[in-house]
Amino acid sequence: MPQRRSPFTVSAALRRQGVLTLALCALGVIIVVGVLFSAALAGLLLAVLLGTLAVLRAVLPVRAVGALAVRSRGLDVAVLLVLAISLGVLSTSPNL
């Protein structure tokens, strides 16, 4: 009889939340870029990350996106896109 892996291990949690884990790693890199180089560049990178997450939320099933699936698919995508566009516009605005 094969042994079943526990769903309560860290590796199991990382597999279930793969998209979120990658997004948090990318966020860490963006924060480092913002601290070391430019806040405006970090803002643009964060806008790109949010846009990418919106696309992933739109095309992947709920099981694949894990904790990024908070509301209905359309509302999640709309909120992520509005945040991405707003942050992109703000980070390219002069004197902010």
PDB file of N, CA and C in Angstrom:
ATOM      1  N   MET A   1       0.835  -1.161   0.000  1.00  0.00           N
ATOM      2  CA  MET A   1       0.000   0.000   0.000  1.00  0.00           C
ATOM      3  C   MET A   1       0.899   1.251   0.000  1.00  0.00           C
ATOM      4  N   PRO A   2       0.738   2.149  -0.979  1.00  0.00           N
ATOM      5  CA  PRO A   2       1.594   3.343  -1.037  1.00  0.00           C
ATOM      6  C   PRO A   2       1.242   4.317   0.083  1.00  0.00           C
ATOM      7  N   GLN A   3       2.284   4.967   0.594  1.00  0.00           N
ATOM      8  CA  GLN A   3       2.057   5.947   1.651  1.00  0.00           C
ATOM      9  C   GLN A   3       1.662   7.272   1.028  1.00  0.00           C
ATOM     10  N   ARG A   4       0.710   7.916   1.647  1.00  0.00           N
ATOM     11  CA  ARG A   4       0.258   9.222   1.172  1.00  0.00           C
ATOM     12  C   ARG A   4       1.083  10.305   1.838  1.00  0.00           C
ATOM     13  N   ARG A   5       1.435  11.310   1.080  1.00  0.00           N
ATOM     14  CA  ARG A   5       2.160  12.453   1.635  1.00  0.00           C
ATOM     15  C   ARG A   5       1.207  13.335   2.407  1.00  0.00           C
ATOM     16  N   SER A   6       1.711  13.901   3.464  1.00  0.00           N
ATOM     17  CA  SER A   6       0.894  14.782   4.284  1.00  0.00           C
ATOM     18  C   SER A   6       0.655  16.107   3.543  1.00  0.00           C
ATOM     19  N   PRO A   7      -0.592  16.591   3.541  1.00  0.00           N
ATOM     20  CA  PRO A   7      -0.862  17.888   2.910  1.00  0.00           C
ATOM     21  C   PRO A   7      -0.470  19.064   3.786  1.00  0.00           C
ATOM     22  N   PHE A   8       0.089  18.785   4.967  1.00  0.00           N
ATOM     23  CA  PHE A   8       0.402  19.847   5.914  1.00  0.00           C
ATOM     24  C   PHE A   8       1.879  20.195   5.969  1.00  0.00           C
ATOM     25  N   THR A   9       2.659  19.709   5.014  1.00  0.00           N
ATOM     26  CA  THR A   9       4.078  20.030   4.989  1.00  0.00           C
ATOM     27  C   THR A   9       4.299  21.344   4.233  1.00  0.00           C
ATOM     28  N   VAL A  10       5.465  21.919   4.418  1.00  0.00           N
ATOM     29  CA  VAL A  10       5.798  23.174   3.731  1.00  0.00           C
ATOM     30  C   VAL A  10       5.865  22.960   2.225  1.00  0.00           C
ATOM     31  N   SER A  11       6.446  21.851   1.801  1.00  0.00           N
ATOM     32  CA  SER A  11       6.549  21.606   0.355  1.00  0.00           C
ATOM     33  C   SER A  11       5.174  21.422  -0.276  1.00  0.00           C
ATOM     34  N   ALA A  12       4.249  20.795   0.438  1.00  0.00           N
ATOM     35  CA  ALA A  12       2.893  20.643  -0.090  1.00  0.00           C
ATOM     36  C   ALA A  12       2.203  22.004  -0.197  1.00  0.00           C
ATOM     37  N   ALA A  13       2.421  22.856   0.791  1.00  0.00           N
ATOM     38  CA  ALA A  13       1.829  24.191   0.752  1.00  0.00           C
ATOM     39  C   ALA A  13       2.406  25.010  -0.400  1.00  0.00           C
ATOM     40  N   LEU A  14       3.717  24.891  -0.629  1.00  0.00           N
ATOM     41  CA  LEU A  14       4.339  25.621  -1.736  1.00  0.00           C
ATOM     42  C   LEU A  14       3.834  25.127  -3.083  1.00  0.00           C
ATOM     43  N   ARG A  15       3.572  23.837  -3.201  1.00  0.00           N
ATOM     44  CA  ARG A  15       3.010  23.311  -4.449  1.00  0.00           C
ATOM     45  C   ARG A  15       1.590  23.818  -4.664  1.00  0.00           C
ATOM     46  N   ARG A  16       0.795  23.883  -3.602  1.00  0.00           N
ATOM     47  CA  ARG A  16      -0.584  24.372  -3.725  1.00  0.00           C
ATOM     48  C   ARG A  16      -0.624  25.850  -4.053  1.00  0.00           C
ATOM     49  N   GLN A  17       0.317  26.607  -3.545  1.00  0.00           N
ATOM     50  CA  GLN A  17       0.330  28.056  -3.720  1.00  0.00           C
ATOM     51  C   GLN A  17       1.506  28.488  -4.593  1.00  0.00           C
ATOM     52  N   GLY A  18       1.746  27.780  -5.671  1.00  0.00           N
ATOM     53  CA  GLY A  18       2.896  28.054  -6.530  1.00  0.00           C
ATOM     54  C   GLY A  18       2.891  29.449  -7.123  1.00  0.00           C
ATOM     55  N   VAL A  19       1.751  29.882  -7.633  1.00  0.00           N
ATOM     56  CA  VAL A  19       1.662  31.211  -8.251  1.00  0.00           C
ATOM     57  C   VAL A  19       1.901  32.289  -7.196  1.00  0.00           C
ATOM     58  N   LEU A  20       1.303  32.126  -6.034  1.00  0.00           N
ATOM     59  CA  LEU A  20       1.486  33.104  -4.969  1.00  0.00           C
ATOM     60  C   LEU A  20       2.930  33.127  -4.478  1.00  0.00           C
ATOM     61  N   THR A  21       3.548  31.963  -4.377  1.00  0.00           N
ATOM     62  CA  THR A  21       4.946  31.896  -3.948  1.00  0.00           C
ATOM     63  C   THR A  21       5.858  32.610  -4.925  1.00  0.00           C
ATOM     64  N   LEU A  22       5.653  32.386  -6.213  1.00  0.00           N
ATOM     65  CA  LEU A  22       6.459  33.078  -7.224  1.00  0.00           C
ATOM     66  C   LEU A  22       6.200  34.581  -7.206  1.00  0.00           C
ATOM     67  N   ALA A  23       4.951  34.972  -6.989  1.00  0.00           N
ATOM     68  CA  ALA A  23       4.623  36.395  -6.933  1.00  0.00           C
ATOM     69  C   ALA A  23       5.299  37.062  -5.733  1.00  0.00           C
ATOM     70  N   LEU A  24       5.339  36.371  -4.602  1.00  0.00           N
ATOM     71  CA  LEU A  24       5.998  36.940  -3.422  1.00  0.00           C
ATOM     72  C   LEU A  24       7.511  37.027  -3.613  1.00  0.00           C
ATOM     73  N   CYS A  25       8.096  36.040  -4.289  1.00  0.00           N
ATOM     74  CA  CYS A  25       9.533  36.119  -4.599  1.00  0.00           C
ATOM     75  C   CYS A  25       9.817  37.293  -5.532  1.00  0.00           C
ATOM     76  N   ALA A  26       8.968  37.472  -6.547  1.00  0.00           N
ATOM     77  CA  ALA A  26       9.129  38.610  -7.460  1.00  0.00           C
ATOM     78  C   ALA A  26       8.952  39.926  -6.711  1.00  0.00           C
ATOM     79  N   LEU A  27       8.022  39.975  -5.769  1.00  0.00           N
ATOM     80  CA  LEU A  27       7.825  41.175  -4.976  1.00  0.00           C
ATOM     81  C   LEU A  27       9.069  41.497  -4.160  1.00  0.00           C
ATOM     82  N   GLY A  28       9.710  40.482  -3.620  1.00  0.00           N
ATOM     83  CA  GLY A  28      10.955  40.699  -2.886  1.00  0.00           C
ATOM     84  C   GLY A  28      12.033  41.306  -3.763  1.00  0.00           C
ATOM     85  N   VAL A  29      12.146  40.807  -4.989  1.00  0.00           N
ATOM     86  CA  VAL A  29      13.129  41.350  -5.936  1.00  0.00           C
ATOM     87  C   VAL A  29      12.775  42.805  -6.283  1.00  0.00           C
ATOM     88  N   ILE A  30      11.492  43.078  -6.465  1.00  0.00           N
ATOM     89  CA  ILE A  30      11.056  44.440  -6.796  1.00  0.00           C
ATOM     90  C   ILE A  30      11.365  45.396  -5.654  1.00  0.00           C
ATOM     91  N   ILE A  31      11.197  44.959  -4.427  1.00  0.00           N
ATOM     92  CA  ILE A  31      11.519  45.809  -3.277  1.00  0.00           C
ATOM     93  C   ILE A  31      13.010  46.118  -3.244  1.00  0.00           C
ATOM     94  N   VAL A  32      13.835  45.120  -3.519  1.00  0.00           N
ATOM     95  CA  VAL A  32      15.286  45.345  -3.554  1.00  0.00           C
ATOM     96  C   VAL A  32      15.644  46.327  -4.659  1.00  0.00           C
ATOM     97  N   VAL A  33      15.015  46.186  -5.823  1.00  0.00           N
ATOM     98  CA  VAL A  33      15.259  47.121  -6.924  1.00  0.00           C
ATOM     99  C   VAL A  33      14.850  48.532  -6.508  1.00  0.00           C
ATOM    100  N   GLY A  34      13.722  48.653  -5.821  1.00  0.00           N
ATOM    101  CA  GLY A  34      13.272  49.963  -5.373  1.00  0.00           C
ATOM    102  C   GLY A  34      14.210  50.608  -4.370  1.00  0.00           C
ATOM    103  N   VAL A  35      14.773  49.801  -3.488  1.00  0.00           N
ATOM    104  CA  VAL A  35      15.681  50.341  -2.476  1.00  0.00           C
ATOM    105  C   VAL A  35      17.034  50.707  -3.085  1.00  0.00           C
ATOM    106  N   LEU A  36      17.547  49.850  -3.960  1.00  0.00           N
ATOM    107  CA  LEU A  36      18.890  50.048  -4.487  1.00  0.00           C
ATOM    108  C   LEU A  36      18.951  50.970  -5.705  1.00  0.00           C
ATOM    109  N   PHE A  37      17.922  50.980  -6.529  1.00  0.00           N
ATOM    110  CA  PHE A  37      18.009  51.720  -7.786  1.00  0.00           C
ATOM    111  C   PHE A  37      17.016  52.867  -7.865  1.00  0.00           C
ATOM    112  N   SER A  38      15.749  52.548  -8.095  1.00  0.00           N
ATOM    113  CA  SER A  38      14.792  53.612  -8.357  1.00  0.00           C
ATOM    114  C   SER A  38      13.392  53.175  -7.926  1.00  0.00           C
ATOM    115  N   ALA A  39      12.705  54.064  -7.214  1.00  0.00           N
ATOM    116  CA  ALA A  39      11.334  53.769  -6.801  1.00  0.00           C
ATOM    117  C   ALA A  39      10.394  53.755  -8.006  1.00  0.00           C
ATOM    118  N   ALA A  40      10.669  54.609  -8.989  1.00  0.00           N
ATOM    119  CA  ALA A  40       9.820  54.639 -10.180  1.00  0.00           C
ATOM    120  C   ALA A  40       9.931  53.332 -10.960  1.00  0.00           C
ATOM    121  N   LEU A  41      11.153  52.814 -11.076  1.00  0.00           N
ATOM    122  CA  LEU A  41      11.348  51.522 -11.745  1.00  0.00           C
ATOM    123  C   LEU A  41      10.649  50.411 -10.981  1.00  0.00           C
ATOM    124  N   ALA A  42      10.734  50.446  -9.666  1.00  0.00           N
ATOM    125  CA  ALA A  42      10.058  49.439  -8.846  1.00  0.00           C
ATOM    126  C   ALA A  42       8.542  49.527  -9.022  1.00  0.00           C
ATOM    127  N   GLY A  43       8.026  50.741  -9.148  1.00  0.00           N
ATOM    128  CA  GLY A  43       6.598  50.908  -9.393  1.00  0.00           C
ATOM    129  C   GLY A  43       6.164  50.311 -10.710  1.00  0.00           C
ATOM    130  N   LEU A  44       6.971  50.534 -11.744  1.00  0.00           N
ATOM    131  CA  LEU A  44       6.653  49.937 -13.052  1.00  0.00           C
ATOM    132  C   LEU A  44       6.729  48.413 -12.998  1.00  0.00           C
ATOM    133  N   LEU A  45       7.736  47.902 -12.319  1.00  0.00           N
ATOM    134  CA  LEU A  45       7.858  46.449 -12.194  1.00  0.00           C
ATOM    135  C   LEU A  45       6.694  45.860 -11.411  1.00  0.00           C
ATOM    136  N   LEU A  46       6.254  46.561 -10.394  1.00  0.00           N
ATOM    137  CA  LEU A  46       5.099  46.100  -9.632  1.00  0.00           C
ATOM    138  C   LEU A  46       3.831  46.138 -10.478  1.00  0.00           C
ATOM    139  N   ALA A  47       3.688  47.145 -11.326  1.00  0.00           N
ATOM    140  CA  ALA A  47       2.548  47.211 -12.236  1.00  0.00           C
ATOM    141  C   ALA A  47       2.572  46.036 -13.207  1.00  0.00           C
ATOM    142  N   VAL A  48       3.763  45.696 -13.697  1.00  0.00           N
ATOM    143  CA  VAL A  48       3.888  44.542 -14.594  1.00  0.00           C
ATOM    144  C   VAL A  48       3.535  43.255 -13.856  1.00  0.00           C
ATOM    145  N   LEU A  49       3.980  43.133 -12.615  1.00  0.00           N
ATOM    146  CA  LEU A  49       3.648  41.950 -11.819  1.00  0.00           C
ATOM    147  C   LEU A  49       2.145  41.829 -11.616  1.00  0.00           C
ATOM    148  N   LEU A  50       1.487  42.939 -11.289  1.00  0.00           N
ATOM    149  CA  LEU A  50       0.038  42.900 -11.110  1.00  0.00           C
ATOM    150  C   LEU A  50      -0.682  42.558 -12.407  1.00  0.00           C
ATOM    151  N   GLY A  51      -0.199  43.090 -13.523  1.00  0.00           N
ATOM    152  CA  GLY A  51      -0.786  42.734 -14.817  1.00  0.00           C
ATOM    153  C   GLY A  51      -0.607  41.262 -15.142  1.00  0.00           C
ATOM    154  N   THR A  52       0.563  40.737 -14.831  1.00  0.00           N
ATOM    155  CA  THR A  52       0.818  39.313 -15.052  1.00  0.00           C
ATOM    156  C   THR A  52      -0.090  38.451 -14.174  1.00  0.00           C
ATOM    157  N   LEU A  53      -0.263  38.856 -12.937  1.00  0.00           N
ATOM    158  CA  LEU A  53      -1.157  38.116 -12.044  1.00  0.00           C
ATOM    159  C   LEU A  53      -2.598  38.186 -12.536  1.00  0.00           C
ATOM    160  N   ALA A  54      -2.991  39.312 -13.126  1.00  0.00           N
ATOM    161  CA  ALA A  54      -4.338  39.425 -13.687  1.00  0.00           C
ATOM    162  C   ALA A  54      -4.527  38.435 -14.832  1.00  0.00           C
ATOM    163  N   VAL A  55      -3.528  38.341 -15.691  1.00  0.00           N
ATOM    164  CA  VAL A  55      -3.613  37.389 -16.811  1.00  0.00           C
ATOM    165  C   VAL A  55      -3.648  35.953 -16.293  1.00  0.00           C
ATOM    166  N   LEU A  56      -2.797  35.652 -15.313  1.00  0.00           N
ATOM    167  CA  LEU A  56      -2.791  34.302 -14.751  1.00  0.00           C
ATOM    168  C   LEU A  56      -4.124  33.972 -14.091  1.00  0.00           C
ATOM    169  N   ARG A  57      -4.703  34.941 -13.392  1.00  0.00           N
ATOM    170  CA  ARG A  57      -6.002  34.708 -12.747  1.00  0.00           C
ATOM    171  C   ARG A  57      -7.081  34.497 -13.794  1.00  0.00           C
ATOM    172  N   ALA A  58      -6.943  35.143 -14.942  1.00  0.00           N
ATOM    173  CA  ALA A  58      -7.952  35.010 -15.994  1.00  0.00           C
ATOM    174  C   ALA A  58      -7.883  33.655 -16.691  1.00  0.00           C
ATOM    175  N   VAL A  59      -6.689  33.101 -16.851  1.00  0.00           N
ATOM    176  CA  VAL A  59      -6.570  31.889 -17.671  1.00  0.00           C
ATOM    177  C   VAL A  59      -6.401  30.605 -16.876  1.00  0.00           C
ATOM    178  N   LEU A  60      -5.919  30.675 -15.651  1.00  0.00           N
ATOM    179  CA  LEU A  60      -5.683  29.456 -14.887  1.00  0.00           C
ATOM    180  C   LEU A  60      -6.898  29.101 -14.039  1.00  0.00           C
ATOM    181  N   PRO A  61      -7.091  27.814 -13.774  1.00  0.00           N
ATOM    182  CA  PRO A  61      -8.204  27.422 -12.895  1.00  0.00           C
ATOM    183  C   PRO A  61      -7.942  27.830 -11.445  1.00  0.00           C
ATOM    184  N   VAL A  62      -8.991  27.840 -10.662  1.00  0.00           N
ATOM    185  CA  VAL A  62      -8.898  28.268  -9.263  1.00  0.00           C
ATOM    186  C   VAL A  62      -7.883  27.421  -8.505  1.00  0.00           C
ATOM    187  N   ARG A  63      -7.843  26.147  -8.760  1.00  0.00           N
ATOM    188  CA  ARG A  63      -6.913  25.257  -8.064  1.00  0.00           C
ATOM    189  C   ARG A  63      -5.459  25.644  -8.313  1.00  0.00           C
ATOM    190  N   ALA A  64      -5.171  26.175  -9.503  1.00  0.00           N
ATOM    191  CA  ALA A  64      -3.792  26.536  -9.845  1.00  0.00           C
ATOM    192  C   ALA A  64      -3.367  27.870  -9.240  1.00  0.00           C
ATOM    193  N   VAL A  65      -4.290  28.825  -9.114  1.00  0.00           N
ATOM    194  CA  VAL A  65      -3.906  30.130  -8.583  1.00  0.00           C
ATOM    195  C   VAL A  65      -3.985  30.196  -7.070  1.00  0.00           C
ATOM    196  N   GLY A  66      -4.611  29.258  -6.461  1.00  0.00           N
ATOM    197  CA  GLY A  66      -4.635  29.162  -5.005  1.00  0.00           C
ATOM    198  C   GLY A  66      -5.254  30.371  -4.347  1.00  0.00           C
ATOM    199  N   ALA A  67      -4.504  31.009  -3.459  1.00  0.00           N
ATOM    200  CA  ALA A  67      -5.028  32.108  -2.642  1.00  0.00           C
ATOM    201  C   ALA A  67      -5.259  33.387  -3.437  1.00  0.00           C
ATOM    202  N   LEU A  68      -4.848  33.445  -4.688  1.00  0.00           N
ATOM    203  CA  LEU A  68      -5.148  34.629  -5.507  1.00  0.00           C
ATOM    204  C   LEU A  68      -6.610  34.652  -5.939  1.00  0.00           C
ATOM    205  N   ALA A  69      -7.285  33.529  -5.842  1.00  0.00           N
ATOM    206  CA  ALA A  69      -8.704  33.458  -6.173  1.00  0.00           C
ATOM    207  C   ALA A  69      -9.499  33.856  -4.932  1.00  0.00           C
ATOM    208  N   VAL A  70      -9.828  35.145  -4.837  1.00  0.00           N
ATOM    209  CA  VAL A  70     -10.520  35.649  -3.655  1.00  0.00           C
ATOM    210  C   VAL A  70     -12.003  35.811  -3.942  1.00  0.00           C
ATOM    211  N   ARG A  71     -12.324  36.416  -5.063  1.00  0.00           N
ATOM    212  CA  ARG A  71     -13.705  36.685  -5.425  1.00  0.00           C
ATOM    213  C   ARG A  71     -14.001  35.962  -6.731  1.00  0.00           C
ATOM    214  N   SER A  72     -14.958  36.454  -7.468  1.00  0.00           N
ATOM    215  CA  SER A  72     -15.222  35.869  -8.775  1.00  0.00           C
ATOM    216  C   SER A  72     -14.051  36.190  -9.704  1.00  0.00           C
ATOM    217  N   ARG A  73     -13.888  35.394 -10.731  1.00  0.00           N
ATOM    218  CA  ARG A  73     -12.767  35.570 -11.654  1.00  0.00           C
ATOM    219  C   ARG A  73     -12.764  36.961 -12.273  1.00  0.00           C
ATOM    220  N   GLY A  74     -13.907  37.414 -12.748  1.00  0.00           N
ATOM    221  CA  GLY A  74     -13.988  38.727 -13.393  1.00  0.00           C
ATOM    222  C   GLY A  74     -13.627  39.872 -12.464  1.00  0.00           C
ATOM    223  N   LEU A  75     -14.106  39.795 -11.232  1.00  0.00           N
ATOM    224  CA  LEU A  75     -13.806  40.861 -10.277  1.00  0.00           C
ATOM    225  C   LEU A  75     -12.332  40.854  -9.888  1.00  0.00           C
ATOM    226  N   ASP A  76     -11.768  39.673  -9.676  1.00  0.00           N
ATOM    227  CA  ASP A  76     -10.340  39.588  -9.362  1.00  0.00           C
ATOM    228  C   ASP A  76      -9.486  40.172 -10.483  1.00  0.00           C
ATOM    229  N   VAL A  77      -9.806  39.814 -11.717  1.00  0.00           N
ATOM    230  CA  VAL A  77      -9.043  40.319 -12.867  1.00  0.00           C
ATOM    231  C   VAL A  77      -9.210  41.833 -12.992  1.00  0.00           C
ATOM    232  N   ALA A  78     -10.435  42.318 -12.815  1.00  0.00           N
ATOM    233  CA  ALA A  78     -10.681  43.757 -12.934  1.00  0.00           C
ATOM    234  C   ALA A  78      -9.907  44.541 -11.870  1.00  0.00           C
ATOM    235  N   VAL A  79      -9.922  44.062 -10.639  1.00  0.00           N
ATOM    236  CA  VAL A  79      -9.206  44.761  -9.561  1.00  0.00           C
ATOM    237  C   VAL A  79      -7.711  44.760  -9.834  1.00  0.00           C
ATOM    238  N   LEU A  80      -7.161  43.618 -10.236  1.00  0.00           N
ATOM    239  CA  LEU A  80      -5.727  43.549 -10.525  1.00  0.00           C
ATOM    240  C   LEU A  80      -5.346  44.467 -11.684  1.00  0.00           C
ATOM    241  N   LEU A  81      -6.172  44.518 -12.723  1.00  0.00           N
ATOM    242  CA  LEU A  81      -5.872  45.388 -13.862  1.00  0.00           C
ATOM    243  C   LEU A  81      -5.967  46.862 -13.496  1.00  0.00           C
ATOM    244  N   VAL A  82      -6.976  47.242 -12.716  1.00  0.00           N
ATOM    245  CA  VAL A  82      -7.103  48.637 -12.295  1.00  0.00           C
ATOM    246  C   VAL A  82      -5.897  49.041 -11.446  1.00  0.00           C
ATOM    247  N   LEU A  83      -5.485  48.164 -10.538  1.00  0.00           N
ATOM    248  CA  LEU A  83      -4.311  48.455  -9.720  1.00  0.00           C
ATOM    249  C   LEU A  83      -3.045  48.552 -10.579  1.00  0.00           C
ATOM    250  N   ALA A  84      -2.897  47.654 -11.547  1.00  0.00           N
ATOM    251  CA  ALA A  84      -1.711  47.670 -12.410  1.00  0.00           C
ATOM    252  C   ALA A  84      -1.651  48.948 -13.244  1.00  0.00           C
ATOM    253  N   ILE A  85      -2.765  49.309 -13.842  1.00  0.00           N
ATOM    254  CA  ILE A  85      -2.790  50.515 -14.677  1.00  0.00           C
ATOM    255  C   ILE A  85      -2.561  51.765 -13.826  1.00  0.00           C
ATOM    256  N   SER A  86      -3.207  51.830 -12.681  1.00  0.00           N
ATOM    257  CA  SER A  86      -3.056  52.991 -11.795  1.00  0.00           C
ATOM    258  C   SER A  86      -1.613  53.132 -11.320  1.00  0.00           C
ATOM    259  N   LEU A  87      -1.025  52.042 -10.915  1.00  0.00           N
ATOM    260  CA  LEU A  87       0.347  52.092 -10.434  1.00  0.00           C
ATOM    261  C   LEU A  87       1.323  52.430 -11.569  1.00  0.00           C
ATOM    262  N   GLY A  88       1.053  51.908 -12.754  1.00  0.00           N
ATOM    263  CA  GLY A  88       1.884  52.258 -13.899  1.00  0.00           C
ATOM    264  C   GLY A  88       1.818  53.729 -14.235  1.00  0.00           C
ATOM    265  N   VAL A  89       0.627  54.310 -14.196  1.00  0.00           N
ATOM    266  CA  VAL A  89       0.468  55.737 -14.481  1.00  0.00           C
ATOM    267  C   VAL A  89       1.134  56.568 -13.391  1.00  0.00           C
ATOM    268  N   LEU A  90       0.929  56.195 -12.137  1.00  0.00           N
ATOM    269  CA  LEU A  90       1.529  56.963 -11.046  1.00  0.00           C
ATOM    270  C   LEU A  90       3.056  56.890 -11.053  1.00  0.00           C
ATOM    271  N   SER A  91       3.593  55.728 -11.390  1.00  0.00           N
ATOM    272  CA  SER A  91       5.052  55.608 -11.349  1.00  0.00           C
ATOM    273  C   SER A  91       5.746  56.296 -12.525  1.00  0.00           C
ATOM    274  N   THR A  92       4.993  56.602 -13.581  1.00  0.00           N
ATOM    275  CA  THR A  92       5.587  57.338 -14.705  1.00  0.00           C
ATOM    276  C   THR A  92       5.276  58.826 -14.642  1.00  0.00           C
ATOM    277  N   SER A  93       4.460  59.252 -13.675  1.00  0.00           N
ATOM    278  CA  SER A  93       4.128  60.674 -13.538  1.00  0.00           C
ATOM    279  C   SER A  93       5.333  61.442 -13.023  1.00  0.00           C
ATOM    280  N   PRO A  94       5.583  62.603 -13.575  1.00  0.00           N
ATOM    281  CA  PRO A  94       6.721  63.396 -13.087  1.00  0.00           C
ATOM    282  C   PRO A  94       6.408  64.039 -11.735  1.00  0.00           C
ATOM    283  N   ASN A  95       7.438  64.222 -10.962  1.00  0.00           N
ATOM    284  CA  ASN A  95       7.375  64.939  -9.684  1.00  0.00           C
ATOM    285  C   ASN A  95       6.456  64.309  -8.651  1.00  0.00           C
ATOM    286  N   LEU A  96       6.324  63.010  -8.677  1.00  0.00           N
ATOM    287  CA  LEU A  96       5.542  62.354  -7.632  1.00  0.00           C
ATOM    288  C   LEU A  96       6.435  61.540  -6.743  1.00  0.00           C
TER     289      LEU A  96
END
